[in-house]
């Protein structure tokens, strides 16, 4: 092939999606999806919108941005919507980074981060997690240099499920210069039950360099629709919208997100997220009782740091009819499923402990 391909592209790390089940009796706990289906009212909105599929959606999702602004007490100019939060994170990096700039991030964290950074032509500066799988605020701040354009954190952190407290978020934003964008990815905030955990949207007014990322993929059970959004300073969000792909959120996806923001749908989303969080806490307690060392979990998943035994543990789970997400040489992330699926995980992990 004679076409030139950027070296940054040829050396990109591969994004590994959660495994998909080959049979209906396999528990798919590999992708942090909701175990509940789309709500009926949201499905009705999607079906109605599909009848107009010969028309383009709103180019920048103005109606959806207005609805999100009302939900968060913001103006629509401070919001950008896109084809999932990962696409928006890419757009944000493309907006603020020049070739050779640095982006500071915790590691391990969401595996798309270093890929997005490399595509933007920047350099990922990774900061190790603490011994208890938490993000190290002091180390993250100290990693910022004059070359840094953006610092990102994920809370609850994927894949470890640990979350930053309100005090830690405040410290991070206070200590990082306002010429460095701080992006806080809160894809899993709906599952948080620890009252000490922070909500970055409460800090937007006083920190102009803050950008908050949210998604409809997780608690809203719309992973297949691909809708995410960023909240931040109006000028920066306007620049992100100019970089983003036109009509980036499809007509059915915009309709789904708008229906998900209706009061009755939001109440059901909150109820479901509470059920998932309760199951998570039940499973984590059972695993700890059987001898597992599980970090504090605030997402809809939990982390098992088994190091070199990762591949073997993932295989053991597969043999038990459970798909998990292994990170080779580091650990296994397990999503929270339905109660009967979670019981299978507890049993499989208990038998692993006995065998080990």
Protein backbone atom coordinates (compact mmCIF):
# COMPACT_ATOMS: atom_id res chain seq x y z
CA UNK A 1 0.00 0.00 0.00
CA UNK A 2 1.44 3.36 -1.03
CA UNK A 3 -0.78 5.66 1.05
CA UNK A 4 0.96 7.43 3.91
CA UNK A 5 -0.32 6.48 7.35
CA UNK A 6 0.71 8.61 10.32
CA UNK A 7 3.14 6.77 12.60
CA UNK A 8 0.93 7.69 15.56
CA UNK A 9 -1.87 5.69 13.94
CA UNK A 10 0.18 2.62 13.07
CA UNK A 11 1.39 2.35 16.66
CA UNK A 12 -1.97 2.87 18.38
CA UNK A 13 -2.76 0.42 21.16
CA UNK A 14 -5.79 -1.71 20.38
CA UNK A 15 -9.06 -0.95 22.14
CA UNK A 16 -10.33 -4.28 23.42
CA UNK A 17 -14.13 -4.41 23.77
CA UNK A 18 -15.84 -6.66 26.27
CA UNK A 19 -16.33 -10.17 24.94
CA UNK A 20 -19.72 -11.02 23.44
CA UNK A 21 -21.54 -14.23 24.42
CA UNK A 22 -21.92 -17.04 21.89
CA UNK A 23 -24.94 -18.47 23.73
CA UNK A 24 -27.94 -16.98 25.52
CA UNK A 25 -27.06 -18.72 28.78
CA UNK A 26 -23.73 -16.88 29.08
CA UNK A 27 -23.65 -13.98 31.55
CA UNK A 28 -22.14 -10.98 29.73
CA UNK A 29 -20.44 -9.04 32.53
CA UNK A 30 -17.62 -7.67 30.41
CA UNK A 31 -18.80 -4.25 29.20
CA UNK A 32 -20.28 -2.33 32.18
CA UNK A 33 -23.71 -2.36 30.56
CA UNK A 34 -26.97 -2.09 32.46
CA UNK A 35 -28.63 -5.47 33.05
CA UNK A 36 -32.02 -3.87 32.34
CA UNK A 37 -33.46 -3.11 28.88
CA UNK A 38 -34.41 0.22 27.37
CA UNK A 39 -37.42 1.80 29.10
CA UNK A 40 -40.73 1.54 27.23
CA UNK A 41 -41.19 5.32 26.96
CA UNK A 42 -37.69 5.68 25.52
CA UNK A 43 -38.28 2.83 23.07
CA UNK A 44 -41.47 4.54 21.91
CA UNK A 45 -39.52 7.73 21.23
CA UNK A 46 -36.86 5.82 19.27
CA UNK A 47 -39.53 4.04 17.20
CA UNK A 48 -41.28 7.30 16.39
CA UNK A 49 -38.02 8.98 15.41
CA UNK A 50 -37.08 6.08 13.14
CA UNK A 51 -40.09 6.93 10.96
CA UNK A 52 -38.26 10.15 10.07
CA UNK A 53 -34.94 8.48 9.28
CA UNK A 54 -34.95 10.08 5.81
CA UNK A 55 -34.34 13.43 7.55
CA UNK A 56 -31.16 14.70 9.17
CA UNK A 57 -31.10 15.19 12.95
CA UNK A 58 -30.29 18.57 14.47
CA UNK A 59 -26.66 19.24 13.59
CA UNK A 60 -25.44 20.05 17.10
CA UNK A 61 -28.39 18.60 19.03
CA UNK A 62 -29.76 21.98 20.10
CA UNK A 63 -32.96 20.59 21.62
CA UNK A 64 -31.03 17.97 23.56
CA UNK A 65 -28.49 20.56 24.72
CA UNK A 66 -31.33 22.76 25.95
CA UNK A 67 -32.86 19.86 27.89
CA UNK A 68 -29.49 18.96 29.43
CA UNK A 69 -28.90 22.60 30.35
CA UNK A 70 -32.22 22.68 32.18
CA UNK A 71 -31.34 19.47 34.04
CA UNK A 72 -27.97 20.77 35.20
CA UNK A 73 -28.84 24.43 35.71
CA UNK A 74 -26.56 25.58 32.89
CA UNK A 75 -26.91 27.36 29.57
CA UNK A 76 -27.05 25.38 26.32
CA UNK A 77 -23.87 27.16 25.14
CA UNK A 78 -21.91 25.33 27.86
CA UNK A 79 -22.85 21.87 26.52
CA UNK A 80 -21.66 19.78 23.59
CA UNK A 81 -23.29 16.49 22.63
CA UNK A 82 -21.75 13.72 20.58
CA UNK A 83 -21.62 10.11 19.48
CA UNK A 84 -20.85 8.77 22.96
CA UNK A 85 -18.54 10.32 25.53
CA UNK A 86 -15.44 8.73 23.98
CA UNK A 87 -16.00 10.61 20.73
CA UNK A 88 -16.40 13.84 22.67
CA UNK A 89 -13.20 13.23 24.62
CA UNK A 90 -11.46 12.85 21.25
CA UNK A 91 -13.02 16.11 20.05
CA UNK A 92 -11.88 17.86 23.23
CA UNK A 93 -8.31 16.66 22.77
CA UNK A 94 -8.37 17.68 19.11
CA UNK A 95 -9.56 21.11 20.22
CA UNK A 96 -6.92 21.88 22.84
CA UNK A 97 -3.83 19.84 21.87
CA UNK A 98 -1.10 20.66 19.38
CA UNK A 99 1.39 18.06 18.21
CA UNK A 100 3.74 17.15 21.04
CA UNK A 101 1.62 18.54 23.88
CA UNK A 102 1.23 16.47 27.05
CA UNK A 103 -1.93 15.00 28.54
CA UNK A 104 -1.73 13.78 32.14
CA UNK A 105 -3.89 10.83 33.14
CA UNK A 106 -4.12 8.16 35.83
CA UNK A 107 -3.20 4.63 34.88
CA UNK A 108 -4.75 2.20 34.81
CA UNK A 109 -7.89 3.99 33.71
CA UNK A 110 -10.24 3.94 30.70
CA UNK A 111 -8.29 2.30 27.91
CA UNK A 112 -9.57 4.72 25.25
CA UNK A 113 -7.71 7.64 26.85
CA UNK A 114 -4.19 6.93 25.51
CA UNK A 115 -5.64 6.04 22.11
CA UNK A 116 -7.48 9.37 21.90
CA UNK A 117 -4.39 11.24 23.04
CA UNK A 118 -2.21 9.62 20.38
CA UNK A 119 -4.78 10.35 17.64
CA UNK A 120 -4.70 14.01 18.70
CA UNK A 121 -0.92 14.01 18.21
CA UNK A 122 -0.24 14.53 21.90
CA UNK A 123 1.74 12.49 24.43
CA UNK A 124 0.13 10.56 27.27
CA UNK A 125 1.80 11.10 30.65
CA UNK A 126 0.53 8.32 32.90
CA UNK A 127 0.44 8.48 36.69
CA UNK A 128 0.23 5.26 38.67
CA UNK A 129 -2.71 4.54 40.94
CA UNK A 130 -2.16 4.16 44.67
CA UNK A 131 -1.78 0.76 46.30
CA UNK A 132 -5.53 0.68 46.98
CA UNK A 133 -6.35 1.31 43.28
CA UNK A 134 -7.25 4.98 43.74
CA UNK A 135 -6.19 8.00 41.69
CA UNK A 136 -3.31 9.90 43.30
CA UNK A 137 -4.28 13.57 43.21
CA UNK A 138 -0.92 14.81 44.47
CA UNK A 139 1.01 12.79 41.87
CA UNK A 140 -1.34 13.91 39.09
CA UNK A 141 -0.86 17.57 39.97
CA UNK A 142 2.91 17.15 40.20
CA UNK A 143 2.98 15.58 36.72
CA UNK A 144 1.71 18.82 35.15
CA UNK A 145 4.39 20.81 33.31
CA UNK A 146 4.37 23.81 30.93
CA UNK A 147 3.81 21.28 28.11
CA UNK A 148 0.56 19.99 29.65
CA UNK A 149 -2.63 20.98 27.86
CA UNK A 150 -5.09 18.68 29.58
CA UNK A 151 -5.35 16.57 32.72
CA UNK A 152 -8.03 13.90 32.85
CA UNK A 153 -9.48 11.81 35.66
CA UNK A 154 -12.22 9.20 35.67
CA UNK A 155 -14.47 8.95 38.73
CA UNK A 156 -15.57 6.30 39.46
CA UNK A 157 -12.47 5.05 37.73
CA UNK A 158 -12.79 2.44 35.00
CA UNK A 159 -11.74 -0.34 35.64
CA UNK A 160 -10.99 -0.09 39.37
CA UNK A 161 -14.37 1.46 40.40
CA UNK A 162 -12.79 3.73 43.02
CA UNK A 163 -13.94 7.36 43.10
CA UNK A 164 -12.53 10.76 43.99
CA UNK A 165 -14.01 12.56 46.97
CA UNK A 166 -15.40 16.08 46.74
CA UNK A 167 -12.35 17.30 48.66
CA UNK A 168 -9.99 15.60 46.20
CA UNK A 169 -11.78 17.09 43.20
CA UNK A 170 -11.63 20.54 44.78
CA UNK A 171 -7.93 20.16 45.54
CA UNK A 172 -7.21 19.00 41.99
CA UNK A 173 -8.93 21.98 40.42
CA UNK A 174 -7.46 24.48 42.87
CA UNK A 175 -3.90 23.26 42.27
CA UNK A 176 -3.95 22.94 38.48
CA UNK A 177 -3.36 26.16 36.56
CA UNK A 178 -6.36 27.56 34.68
CA UNK A 179 -4.47 27.31 31.37
CA UNK A 180 -4.65 23.51 31.71
CA UNK A 181 -8.03 21.92 30.99
CA UNK A 182 -9.13 19.44 33.65
CA UNK A 183 -11.56 16.87 32.27
CA UNK A 184 -13.52 14.83 34.80
CA UNK A 185 -15.14 11.75 33.28
CA UNK A 186 -18.23 10.88 35.34
CA UNK A 187 -19.71 8.13 33.17
CA UNK A 188 -20.53 6.05 36.26
CA UNK A 189 -21.53 8.74 38.75
CA UNK A 190 -25.16 7.54 38.88
CA UNK A 191 -24.07 4.40 40.77
CA UNK A 192 -22.19 6.21 43.54
CA UNK A 193 -23.50 5.66 47.07
CA UNK A 194 -20.61 7.09 49.12
CA UNK A 195 -21.70 10.61 50.22
CA UNK A 196 -18.07 11.74 50.29
CA UNK A 197 -17.69 11.27 46.53
CA UNK A 198 -17.68 14.49 44.55
CA UNK A 199 -19.93 15.67 41.70
CA UNK A 200 -17.83 17.79 39.38
CA UNK A 201 -20.81 19.69 37.95
CA UNK A 202 -21.08 21.56 41.26
CA UNK A 203 -17.63 23.05 40.57
CA UNK A 204 -18.19 24.31 37.03
CA UNK A 205 -19.13 27.86 38.00
CA UNK A 206 -15.93 28.53 39.93
CA UNK A 207 -13.46 26.67 37.71
CA UNK A 208 -13.44 27.83 34.06
CA UNK A 209 -10.84 25.20 33.13
CA UNK A 210 -13.12 22.32 34.19
CA UNK A 211 -14.88 20.09 31.64
CA UNK A 212 -17.25 17.36 32.84
CA UNK A 213 -18.04 14.32 30.69
CA UNK A 214 -21.28 12.35 31.07
CA UNK A 215 -23.00 9.63 29.06
CA UNK A 216 -26.40 8.02 28.44
CA UNK A 217 -24.70 4.65 27.89
CA UNK A 218 -24.59 3.43 31.47
CA UNK A 219 -27.36 4.20 33.99
CA UNK A 220 -29.77 5.27 31.23
CA UNK A 221 -29.32 1.85 29.52
CA UNK A 222 -28.60 3.42 26.11
CA UNK A 223 -25.14 2.03 25.33
CA UNK A 224 -26.27 1.05 21.83
CA UNK A 225 -27.56 4.54 21.00
CA UNK A 226 -24.20 6.30 21.53
CA UNK A 227 -25.02 9.62 23.21
CA UNK A 228 -22.63 11.51 25.45
CA UNK A 229 -22.15 15.12 26.47
CA UNK A 230 -19.56 17.55 27.78
CA UNK A 231 -20.18 20.51 30.08
CA UNK A 232 -17.72 23.38 30.32
CA UNK A 233 -16.95 27.01 29.58
CA UNK A 234 -19.06 28.31 26.68
CA UNK A 235 -16.13 29.33 24.48
CA UNK A 236 -14.45 25.95 24.83
CA UNK A 237 -17.67 24.02 24.22
CA UNK A 238 -18.31 26.12 21.14
CA UNK A 239 -14.86 25.16 19.85
CA UNK A 240 -15.57 21.47 20.57
CA UNK A 241 -18.82 21.70 18.61
CA UNK A 242 -16.91 23.18 15.67
CA UNK A 243 -14.49 20.23 15.71
CA UNK A 244 -17.17 17.56 16.16
CA UNK A 245 -18.62 15.60 13.26
CA UNK A 246 -21.76 17.35 11.97
CA UNK A 247 -24.97 15.49 12.85
CA UNK A 248 -22.87 13.34 15.17
CA UNK A 249 -25.86 12.15 17.23
CA UNK A 250 -28.41 10.31 15.12
CA UNK A 251 -32.10 11.18 15.02
CA UNK A 252 -33.20 8.11 17.06
CA UNK A 253 -30.37 8.66 19.53
CA UNK A 254 -31.36 12.28 20.13
CA UNK A 255 -34.96 11.17 20.62
CA UNK A 256 -33.88 8.46 23.06
CA UNK A 257 -31.81 10.86 25.13
CA UNK A 258 -34.61 13.44 25.28
CA UNK A 259 -37.10 10.78 26.39
CA UNK A 260 -34.62 9.55 29.01
CA UNK A 261 -34.59 13.06 30.51
CA UNK A 262 -38.34 13.09 31.13
CA UNK A 263 -39.15 13.04 34.87
CA UNK A 264 -40.72 9.58 34.90
CA UNK A 265 -37.82 8.07 32.96
CA UNK A 266 -35.27 9.77 35.21
CA UNK A 267 -37.03 8.38 38.28
CA UNK A 268 -36.87 4.87 36.83
CA UNK A 269 -33.20 5.34 35.93
CA UNK A 270 -32.47 6.37 39.52
CA UNK A 271 -34.37 3.34 40.83
CA UNK A 272 -32.49 0.94 38.55
CA UNK A 273 -29.11 2.48 39.37
CA UNK A 274 -29.93 1.98 43.05
CA UNK A 275 -30.70 -1.70 42.43
CA UNK A 276 -27.38 -2.14 40.61
CA UNK A 277 -25.47 -0.36 43.39
CA UNK A 278 -27.13 -2.58 46.02
CA UNK A 279 -26.17 -5.70 44.05
CA UNK A 280 -22.62 -4.40 43.68
CA UNK A 281 -22.32 -3.92 47.42
CA UNK A 282 -23.79 -7.37 48.06
CA UNK A 283 -21.34 -9.06 45.71
CA UNK A 284 -18.32 -7.13 46.99
CA UNK A 285 -19.23 -8.03 50.60
CA UNK A 286 -19.59 -11.72 49.67
CA UNK A 287 -16.26 -11.73 47.84
CA UNK A 288 -14.45 -10.08 50.71
CA UNK A 289 -15.96 -12.61 53.09
CA UNK A 290 -14.55 -15.42 50.94
CA UNK A 291 -11.07 -13.87 51.05
CA UNK A 292 -10.93 -11.59 48.04
CA UNK A 293 -9.29 -8.16 48.37
CA UNK A 294 -11.72 -5.91 46.48
CA UNK A 295 -11.15 -2.13 46.35
CA UNK A 296 -13.99 0.20 47.29
CA UNK A 297 -16.43 0.02 44.37
CA UNK A 298 -18.63 2.95 43.34
CA UNK A 299 -19.34 2.10 39.68
CA UNK A 300 -21.50 -0.67 38.25
CA UNK A 301 -18.47 -2.97 38.32
CA UNK A 302 -15.68 -4.07 40.65
CA UNK A 303 -11.99 -4.85 40.30
CA UNK A 304 -9.97 -7.96 41.11
CA UNK A 305 -6.24 -7.23 40.98
CA UNK A 306 -4.88 -10.73 40.32
CA UNK A 307 -1.78 -9.75 38.33
CA UNK A 308 -0.26 -12.63 36.39
CA UNK A 309 -3.26 -14.84 37.18
CA UNK A 310 -5.56 -12.58 35.15
CA UNK A 311 -5.79 -14.76 32.05
CA UNK A 312 -6.34 -17.90 34.09
CA UNK A 313 -9.09 -16.26 36.17
CA UNK A 314 -10.86 -14.96 33.07
CA UNK A 315 -10.73 -18.45 31.57
CA UNK A 316 -12.12 -19.92 34.80
CA UNK A 317 -15.03 -17.48 34.65
CA UNK A 318 -15.68 -18.29 30.98
CA UNK A 319 -15.81 -21.99 31.83
CA UNK A 320 -18.43 -21.09 34.46
CA UNK A 321 -20.53 -19.30 31.81
CA UNK A 322 -19.46 -15.78 32.77
CA UNK A 323 -17.74 -13.25 30.52
CA UNK A 324 -15.54 -10.75 32.38
CA UNK A 325 -13.05 -8.15 31.15
CA UNK A 326 -9.42 -9.16 31.72
CA UNK A 327 -6.53 -6.67 31.61
CA UNK A 328 -3.55 -8.93 31.00
CA UNK A 329 -1.05 -8.99 33.83
CA UNK A 330 -3.11 -6.60 35.96
CA UNK A 331 -6.57 -7.77 36.89
CA UNK A 332 -10.17 -8.54 36.00
CA UNK A 333 -13.10 -6.13 35.88
CA UNK A 334 -16.52 -7.65 36.52
CA UNK A 335 -19.72 -5.77 35.69
CA UNK A 336 -22.75 -6.05 37.93
CA UNK A 337 -25.49 -8.12 36.32
CA UNK A 338 -28.84 -9.48 37.43
CA UNK A 339 -28.92 -11.13 40.87
CA UNK A 340 -28.80 -14.66 39.48
CA UNK A 341 -25.80 -13.75 37.31
CA UNK A 342 -24.04 -12.19 40.29
CA UNK A 343 -24.69 -15.36 42.30
CA UNK A 344 -22.90 -17.32 39.58
CA UNK A 345 -19.93 -14.97 39.87
CA UNK A 346 -19.78 -15.36 43.65
CA UNK A 347 -19.81 -19.14 43.27
CA UNK A 348 -17.20 -19.15 40.51
CA UNK A 349 -14.85 -16.86 42.40
CA UNK A 350 -15.29 -18.88 45.59
CA UNK A 351 -14.28 -22.03 43.72
CA UNK A 352 -11.26 -20.19 42.30
CA UNK A 353 -10.16 -19.28 45.81
CA UNK A 354 -10.42 -22.92 46.85
CA UNK A 355 -8.49 -24.09 43.81
CA UNK A 356 -5.85 -21.38 44.18
